[in-house]
Structures are given as structure tokens and as C-alpha cells.
Amino acid sequence: MRATVLRVRGNRLAFGAMIRVFCFLVVLAGVVAVAGCQPQNKSASTISTMKSNEPSPAAAAGNAPKVVKSDEEWRKTLTPEQYQVLRQAGTERPFGAVYEEFKKQGAGTYVCGGCGAELFSSKEKFDSHCGWPSFYDPANAKNVITRDDSSLGTTRTEVICAQCGGHLGHVFKGEGFPTPTDKRYCINGVSLKFVPAGETKAVKP
């Protein structure tokens, strides 16, 4: 009888330990899920990530978005994840399905998922192993603007679509990647739409 009681208690303790481990993993996954790009060492296997909750503001004076819609209109035209990233400066999960698809895409152009403006091309993409699409330069610089982002207590450089003001990601310099610019435009995959080479880059109104 005593042995049975001890086994039951032992099973309960083991079950409790499993629950605690599971909860820890859930919390850890949540931290990664709300992550945004941070400066990284190209030799590191993992990176520290955080997320900006700041809504994407209108571009600075002189760079006012040309495509203007109401919040209700954006909600109707974007998926929930696109809206959260493009209009609320959110960050998609790293190493997700969109990122895996990005790595498989060949020659072509990447346009804004919100307005269709040309942003990047496959010629400037590279694999930084950070979990998000990476480019070393925009394909059309006039459609990509930047601003200081101090939402996390440290200043980063936010990347914005000049045509609609949508949040794209962040850009980092001097990380040592073997690219012509030594820059890493860390871009959310859901904020982009891939147009294969040879197809028309139809820009939305």
C-alpha cells in the first residue's frame, strides 16, 4: 500500500514538472513570436529579438504617403497578419512559412503588400540566417524611406514604404555581411508580395 502511494506521489510530481516545462516553452515561444529584427553578429547561431508595438506613423514631412486609406479600408484589403505588421508596426514570427517560401523564390521583384509599390528585387536578397527576408539594398530607393525608431528604449532605423506609409521592418549597418553595402534590410515577409521575373508589377491604387 505504501509503495502504491509513493508511486502515485511520484507520478504527480513528474506530471507537475512536465507542466512547468511546457509552460516555460510556451512563454519562450511567445517571446520569439513578438520579436523584431535586432542587430546581429553574422557568426552567431541565434539572435536577441524584440517587437515594436508603435503604430506606423505617417512619413516625415516631405514624405507624406501617396496611397491613403482609412483604417477600415486597410482592414478590408489586408489579411489580419498584414494589417498587424504594415499598419501597426508588428513583427511576424521568425523562420515561418513565409520565410521558407521567400528562400525558394527565384528571380523577380518584391512589391509592397499594401499598395504594390516596387521595393526590393531578388538581385539584392541574401540569406542572413535571421529568420526574416534580408536585402542589402532597395531595388527602388524612392519607394523606401527610413526613420528613427526609439520604441524599445534604443534607437533603431525603421524601414517604411514611401507610397503608403506601411511598416516593412528595420535596417542595420556594419554587421560584417559580405555584401556591397554592408547593410541588412530585415523585412517582414507578409509586408511583401513577390512578382516573378517577366510578370507585370501591377501597382494597386
C-alpha atoms as a PDB file:
ATOM      1  CA  MET A   1       0.000   0.000   0.000  1.00  0.00           C
ATOM      2  CA  ARG A   2       2.813   2.403   0.938  1.00  0.00           C
ATOM      3  CA  ALA A   3       4.623   1.627  -2.315  1.00  0.00           C
ATOM      4  CA  THR A   4       1.461   2.406  -4.286  1.00  0.00           C
ATOM      5  CA  VAL A   5       1.069   5.759  -2.529  1.00  0.00           C
ATOM      6  CA  LEU A   6       4.705   6.624  -3.220  1.00  0.00           C
ATOM      7  CA  ARG A   7       4.277   5.744  -6.901  1.00  0.00           C
ATOM      8  CA  VAL A   8       1.185   7.943  -7.142  1.00  0.00           C
ATOM      9  CA  ARG A   9       3.009  10.833  -5.481  1.00  0.00           C
ATOM     10  CA  GLY A  10       5.989  10.299  -7.759  1.00  0.00           C
ATOM     11  CA  ASN A  11       3.749  10.332 -10.829  1.00  0.00           C
ATOM     12  CA  ARG A  12       2.115  13.554  -9.654  1.00  0.00           C
ATOM     13  CA  LEU A  13       5.490  15.210  -9.128  1.00  0.00           C
ATOM     14  CA  ALA A  14       6.666  14.114 -12.572  1.00  0.00           C
ATOM     15  CA  PHE A  15       3.457  15.380 -14.154  1.00  0.00           C
ATOM     16  CA  GLY A  16       3.852  18.710 -12.357  1.00  0.00           C
ATOM     17  CA  ALA A  17       7.401  19.040 -13.638  1.00  0.00           C
ATOM     18  CA  MET A  18       6.219  18.363 -17.183  1.00  0.00           C
ATOM     19  CA  ILE A  19       3.570  21.063 -16.865  1.00  0.00           C
ATOM     20  CA  ARG A  20       6.160  23.587 -15.656  1.00  0.00           C
ATOM     21  CA  VAL A  21       8.462  22.766 -18.592  1.00  0.00           C
ATOM     22  CA  PHE A  22       5.557  23.077 -21.021  1.00  0.00           C
ATOM     23  CA  CYS A  23       4.586  26.485 -19.616  1.00  0.00           C
ATOM     24  CA  PHE A  24       8.184  27.668 -19.899  1.00  0.00           C
ATOM     25  CA  LEU A  25       8.299  26.634 -23.562  1.00  0.00           C
ATOM     26  CA  VAL A  26       5.008  28.423 -24.254  1.00  0.00           C
ATOM     27  CA  VAL A  27       6.356  31.633 -22.698  1.00  0.00           C
ATOM     28  CA  LEU A  28       9.611  31.291 -24.639  1.00  0.00           C
ATOM     29  CA  ALA A  29       7.689  30.832 -27.887  1.00  0.00           C
ATOM     30  CA  GLY A  30       5.696  33.940 -27.085  1.00  0.00           C
ATOM     31  CA  VAL A  31       8.855  35.987 -26.645  1.00  0.00           C
ATOM     32  CA  VAL A  32      10.122  34.859 -30.053  1.00  0.00           C
ATOM     33  CA  ALA A  33       6.708  35.435 -31.634  1.00  0.00           C
ATOM     34  CA  VAL A  34       6.711  39.123 -30.718  1.00  0.00           C
ATOM     35  CA  ALA A  35      10.256  39.515 -31.923  1.00  0.00           C
ATOM     36  CA  GLY A  36      11.541  42.102 -34.332  1.00  0.00           C
ATOM     37  CA  CYS A  37      14.912  42.396 -36.020  1.00  0.00           C
ATOM     38  CA  GLN A  38      17.837  43.400 -33.861  1.00  0.00           C
ATOM     39  CA  PRO A  39      21.474  43.920 -34.813  1.00  0.00           C
ATOM     40  CA  GLN A  40      23.207  40.577 -35.086  1.00  0.00           C
ATOM     41  CA  ASN A  41      26.640  39.099 -35.371  1.00  0.00           C
ATOM     42  CA  LYS A  42      26.825  37.166 -38.632  1.00  0.00           C
ATOM     43  CA  SER A  43      28.647  34.340 -36.855  1.00  0.00           C
ATOM     44  CA  ALA A  44      26.012  33.912 -34.158  1.00  0.00           C
ATOM     45  CA  SER A  45      23.585  30.998 -34.417  1.00  0.00           C
ATOM     46  CA  THR A  46      20.813  32.811 -32.553  1.00  0.00           C
ATOM     47  CA  ILE A  47      19.852  36.450 -32.125  1.00  0.00           C
ATOM     48  CA  SER A  48      18.097  38.512 -29.493  1.00  0.00           C
ATOM     49  CA  THR A  49      14.750  39.674 -30.814  1.00  0.00           C
ATOM     50  CA  MET A  50      12.144  42.183 -29.743  1.00  0.00           C
ATOM     51  CA  LYS A  51       8.972  43.732 -31.157  1.00  0.00           C
ATOM     52  CA  SER A  52       7.829  47.282 -31.706  1.00  0.00           C
ATOM     53  CA  ASN A  53       4.242  48.000 -30.691  1.00  0.00           C
ATOM     54  CA  GLU A  54       4.360  51.533 -32.042  1.00  0.00           C
ATOM     55  CA  PRO A  55       1.776  52.161 -34.789  1.00  0.00           C
ATOM     56  CA  SER A  56       3.474  53.073 -38.047  1.00  0.00           C
ATOM     57  CA  PRO A  57       3.139  56.865 -38.287  1.00  0.00           C
ATOM     58  CA  ALA A  58       2.825  58.975 -41.390  1.00  0.00           C
ATOM     59  CA  ALA A  59       6.150  59.580 -43.068  1.00  0.00           C
ATOM     60  CA  ALA A  60       8.139  62.622 -42.090  1.00  0.00           C
ATOM     61  CA  ALA A  61       7.310  65.990 -43.604  1.00  0.00           C
ATOM     62  CA  GLY A  62       8.015  65.960 -47.327  1.00  0.00           C
ATOM     63  CA  ASN A  63       7.482  62.182 -47.494  1.00  0.00           C
ATOM     64  CA  ALA A  64       3.720  62.014 -46.993  1.00  0.00           C
ATOM     65  CA  PRO A  65       2.226  58.699 -48.209  1.00  0.00           C
ATOM     66  CA  LYS A  66       0.615  58.904 -51.646  1.00  0.00           C
ATOM     67  CA  VAL A  67      -1.725  55.980 -51.005  1.00  0.00           C
ATOM     68  CA  VAL A  68      -4.054  56.970 -48.178  1.00  0.00           C
ATOM     69  CA  LYS A  69      -6.856  54.770 -46.821  1.00  0.00           C
ATOM     70  CA  SER A  70      -8.956  54.756 -43.695  1.00  0.00           C
ATOM     71  CA  ASP A  71      -8.261  52.180 -41.011  1.00  0.00           C
ATOM     72  CA  GLU A  72     -11.445  50.367 -42.015  1.00  0.00           C
ATOM     73  CA  GLU A  73     -10.324  50.220 -45.647  1.00  0.00           C
ATOM     74  CA  TRP A  74      -6.925  48.802 -44.675  1.00  0.00           C
ATOM     75  CA  ARG A  75      -8.602  46.124 -42.563  1.00  0.00           C
ATOM     76  CA  LYS A  76     -10.712  45.096 -45.552  1.00  0.00           C
ATOM     77  CA  THR A  77      -7.837  44.915 -48.037  1.00  0.00           C
ATOM     78  CA  LEU A  78      -5.180  43.304 -45.808  1.00  0.00           C
ATOM     79  CA  THR A  79      -5.083  39.973 -44.011  1.00  0.00           C
ATOM     80  CA  PRO A  80      -5.030  40.223 -40.197  1.00  0.00           C
ATOM     81  CA  GLU A  81      -1.295  39.470 -40.160  1.00  0.00           C
ATOM     82  CA  GLN A  82      -0.545  42.007 -42.901  1.00  0.00           C
ATOM     83  CA  TYR A  83      -2.561  44.646 -41.057  1.00  0.00           C
ATOM     84  CA  GLN A  84      -0.742  43.955 -37.790  1.00  0.00           C
ATOM     85  CA  VAL A  85       2.656  44.347 -39.494  1.00  0.00           C
ATOM     86  CA  LEU A  86       2.052  47.038 -42.108  1.00  0.00           C
ATOM     87  CA  ARG A  87      -0.316  49.291 -40.178  1.00  0.00           C
ATOM     88  CA  GLN A  88       0.626  48.578 -36.537  1.00  0.00           C
ATOM     89  CA  ALA A  89       4.380  48.012 -36.882  1.00  0.00           C
ATOM     90  CA  GLY A  90       4.124  44.432 -35.691  1.00  0.00           C
ATOM     91  CA  THR A  91       6.579  41.629 -36.438  1.00  0.00           C
ATOM     92  CA  GLU A  92       5.854  38.211 -37.893  1.00  0.00           C
ATOM     93  CA  ARG A  93       7.246  35.022 -36.360  1.00  0.00           C
ATOM     94  CA  PRO A  94      10.803  34.246 -37.492  1.00  0.00           C
ATOM     95  CA  PHE A  95      11.543  31.170 -39.615  1.00  0.00           C
ATOM     96  CA  GLY A  96       7.862  30.857 -40.553  1.00  0.00           C
ATOM     97  CA  ALA A  97       6.199  29.582 -43.722  1.00  0.00           C
ATOM     98  CA  VAL A  98       6.536  32.971 -45.437  1.00  0.00           C
ATOM     99  CA  TYR A  99      10.295  32.977 -44.807  1.00  0.00           C
ATOM    100  CA  GLU A 100      10.681  29.430 -46.128  1.00  0.00           C
ATOM    101  CA  GLU A 101       8.766  30.417 -49.265  1.00  0.00           C
ATOM    102  CA  PHE A 102      10.962  33.512 -49.647  1.00  0.00           C
ATOM    103  CA  LYS A 103      14.099  31.355 -49.718  1.00  0.00           C
ATOM    104  CA  LYS A 104      12.655  29.256 -52.564  1.00  0.00           C
ATOM    105  CA  GLN A 105      11.654  32.194 -54.760  1.00  0.00           C
ATOM    106  CA  GLY A 106      13.798  32.831 -57.823  1.00  0.00           C
ATOM    107  CA  ALA A 107      14.322  35.918 -59.935  1.00  0.00           C
ATOM    108  CA  GLY A 108      11.750  38.629 -59.518  1.00  0.00           C
ATOM    109  CA  THR A 109      10.641  41.759 -57.729  1.00  0.00           C
ATOM    110  CA  TYR A 110       9.223  42.318 -54.244  1.00  0.00           C
ATOM    111  CA  VAL A 111       6.443  44.891 -54.046  1.00  0.00           C
ATOM    112  CA  CYS A 112       4.607  46.297 -51.040  1.00  0.00           C
ATOM    113  CA  GLY A 113       1.860  44.020 -49.781  1.00  0.00           C
ATOM    114  CA  GLY A 114      -0.240  47.077 -49.013  1.00  0.00           C
ATOM    115  CA  CYS A 115      -0.001  49.225 -52.146  1.00  0.00           C
ATOM    116  CA  GLY A 116       2.039  47.302 -54.736  1.00  0.00           C
ATOM    117  CA  ALA A 117       4.943  49.759 -54.902  1.00  0.00           C
ATOM    118  CA  GLU A 118       8.256  48.250 -56.057  1.00  0.00           C
ATOM    119  CA  LEU A 119      10.573  47.873 -53.047  1.00  0.00           C
ATOM    120  CA  PHE A 120      13.236  45.180 -53.444  1.00  0.00           C
ATOM    121  CA  SER A 121      14.402  42.626 -56.000  1.00  0.00           C
ATOM    122  CA  SER A 122      15.888  39.157 -55.929  1.00  0.00           C
ATOM    123  CA  LYS A 123      19.204  40.675 -57.075  1.00  0.00           C
ATOM    124  CA  GLU A 124      19.685  42.282 -53.654  1.00  0.00           C
ATOM    125  CA  LYS A 125      18.375  39.466 -51.445  1.00  0.00           C
ATOM    126  CA  PHE A 126      20.712  37.327 -49.354  1.00  0.00           C
ATOM    127  CA  ASP A 127      20.429  34.763 -46.584  1.00  0.00           C
ATOM    128  CA  SER A 128      21.406  36.320 -43.254  1.00  0.00           C
ATOM    129  CA  HIS A 129      20.007  33.336 -41.309  1.00  0.00           C
ATOM    130  CA  CYS A 130      17.994  35.698 -39.090  1.00  0.00           C
ATOM    131  CA  GLY A 131      14.577  34.188 -39.838  1.00  0.00           C
ATOM    132  CA  TRP A 132      13.261  37.122 -41.886  1.00  0.00           C
ATOM    133  CA  PRO A 133      13.787  38.117 -45.553  1.00  0.00           C
ATOM    134  CA  SER A 134      17.002  40.103 -45.954  1.00  0.00           C
ATOM    135  CA  PHE A 135      18.181  42.518 -48.643  1.00  0.00           C
ATOM    136  CA  TYR A 136      21.323  44.625 -48.835  1.00  0.00           C
ATOM    137  CA  ASP A 137      19.689  47.489 -50.776  1.00  0.00           C
ATOM    138  CA  PRO A 138      16.271  48.551 -52.126  1.00  0.00           C
ATOM    139  CA  ALA A 139      15.510  47.977 -55.804  1.00  0.00           C
ATOM    140  CA  ASN A 140      13.695  51.306 -55.994  1.00  0.00           C
ATOM    141  CA  ALA A 141      15.094  53.709 -53.400  1.00  0.00           C
ATOM    142  CA  LYS A 142      12.388  56.343 -53.889  1.00  0.00           C
ATOM    143  CA  ASN A 143       9.781  53.895 -52.569  1.00  0.00           C
ATOM    144  CA  VAL A 144      11.734  53.004 -49.412  1.00  0.00           C
ATOM    145  CA  ILE A 145      12.258  55.541 -46.646  1.00  0.00           C
ATOM    146  CA  THR A 146      13.590  55.252 -43.103  1.00  0.00           C
ATOM    147  CA  ARG A 147      13.062  56.924 -39.754  1.00  0.00           C
ATOM    148  CA  ASP A 148      14.440  56.593 -36.231  1.00  0.00           C
ATOM    149  CA  ASP A 149      12.530  54.122 -34.071  1.00  0.00           C
ATOM    150  CA  SER A 150      13.049  54.518 -30.307  1.00  0.00           C
ATOM    151  CA  SER A 151      10.063  52.412 -29.240  1.00  0.00           C
ATOM    152  CA  LEU A 152      12.215  49.865 -27.374  1.00  0.00           C
ATOM    153  CA  GLY A 153      14.383  52.297 -25.459  1.00  0.00           C
ATOM    154  CA  THR A 154      17.157  52.047 -28.030  1.00  0.00           C
ATOM    155  CA  THR A 155      17.301  53.723 -31.426  1.00  0.00           C
ATOM    156  CA  ARG A 156      16.854  51.528 -34.481  1.00  0.00           C
ATOM    157  CA  THR A 157      16.175  52.505 -38.091  1.00  0.00           C
ATOM    158  CA  GLU A 158      12.683  51.608 -39.247  1.00  0.00           C
ATOM    159  CA  VAL A 159      12.034  50.878 -42.937  1.00  0.00           C
ATOM    160  CA  ILE A 160       8.781  52.228 -44.378  1.00  0.00           C
ATOM    161  CA  CYS A 161       7.033  52.098 -47.751  1.00  0.00           C
ATOM    162  CA  ALA A 162       7.073  55.681 -49.045  1.00  0.00           C
ATOM    163  CA  GLN A 163       3.898  55.165 -51.051  1.00  0.00           C
ATOM    164  CA  CYS A 164       1.526  54.012 -48.305  1.00  0.00           C
ATOM    165  CA  GLY A 165       3.479  54.520 -45.062  1.00  0.00           C
ATOM    166  CA  GLY A 166       3.398  50.802 -44.278  1.00  0.00           C
ATOM    167  CA  HIS A 167       5.908  49.354 -41.807  1.00  0.00           C
ATOM    168  CA  LEU A 168       8.315  46.946 -43.513  1.00  0.00           C
ATOM    169  CA  GLY A 169      10.982  46.175 -40.925  1.00  0.00           C
ATOM    170  CA  HIS A 170      14.356  47.647 -39.896  1.00  0.00           C
ATOM    171  CA  VAL A 171      17.763  48.170 -41.478  1.00  0.00           C
ATOM    172  CA  PHE A 172      21.101  47.534 -39.776  1.00  0.00           C
ATOM    173  CA  LYS A 173      24.624  48.537 -40.779  1.00  0.00           C
ATOM    174  CA  GLY A 174      28.118  47.259 -40.121  1.00  0.00           C
ATOM    175  CA  GLU A 175      27.305  43.650 -39.235  1.00  0.00           C
ATOM    176  CA  GLY A 176      30.058  42.316 -41.484  1.00  0.00           C
ATOM    177  CA  PHE A 177      27.998  40.533 -44.119  1.00  0.00           C
ATOM    178  CA  PRO A 178      29.886  40.147 -47.436  1.00  0.00           C
ATOM    179  CA  THR A 179      27.535  42.422 -49.390  1.00  0.00           C
ATOM    180  CA  PRO A 180      28.269  45.610 -51.391  1.00  0.00           C
ATOM    181  CA  THR A 181      26.597  47.894 -48.828  1.00  0.00           C
ATOM    182  CA  ASP A 182      27.228  46.065 -45.522  1.00  0.00           C
ATOM    183  CA  LYS A 183      23.554  46.710 -44.724  1.00  0.00           C
ATOM    184  CA  ARG A 184      20.811  44.274 -43.774  1.00  0.00           C
ATOM    185  CA  TYR A 185      17.271  45.298 -44.558  1.00  0.00           C
ATOM    186  CA  CYS A 186      15.421  42.919 -42.232  1.00  0.00           C
ATOM    187  CA  ILE A 187      11.927  42.829 -43.732  1.00  0.00           C
ATOM    188  CA  ASN A 188       8.712  41.113 -42.687  1.00  0.00           C
ATOM    189  CA  GLY A 189       7.708  38.619 -45.360  1.00  0.00           C
ATOM    190  CA  VAL A 190       3.978  39.390 -45.063  1.00  0.00           C
ATOM    191  CA  SER A 191       4.659  43.025 -45.925  1.00  0.00           C
ATOM    192  CA  LEU A 192       5.942  41.921 -49.344  1.00  0.00           C
ATOM    193  CA  LYS A 193       4.410  40.400 -52.447  1.00  0.00           C
ATOM    194  CA  PHE A 194       6.664  38.507 -54.868  1.00  0.00           C
ATOM    195  CA  VAL A 195       6.292  39.146 -58.591  1.00  0.00           C
ATOM    196  CA  PRO A 196       8.241  36.581 -60.681  1.00  0.00           C
ATOM    197  CA  ALA A 197      10.503  37.950 -63.412  1.00  0.00           C
ATOM    198  CA  GLY A 198       8.581  38.570 -66.620  1.00  0.00           C
ATOM    199  CA  GLU A 199       5.262  39.275 -64.936  1.00  0.00           C
ATOM    200  CA  THR A 200       3.746  42.737 -64.761  1.00  0.00           C
ATOM    201  CA  LYS A 201       4.237  44.586 -61.493  1.00  0.00           C
ATOM    202  CA  ALA A 202       0.667  45.786 -61.133  1.00  0.00           C
ATOM    203  CA  VAL A 203       0.559  48.594 -58.594  1.00  0.00           C
ATOM    204  CA  LYS A 204      -2.628  48.830 -56.583  1.00  0.00           C
ATOM    205  CA  PRO A 205      -4.383  52.225 -56.473  1.00  0.00           C
END
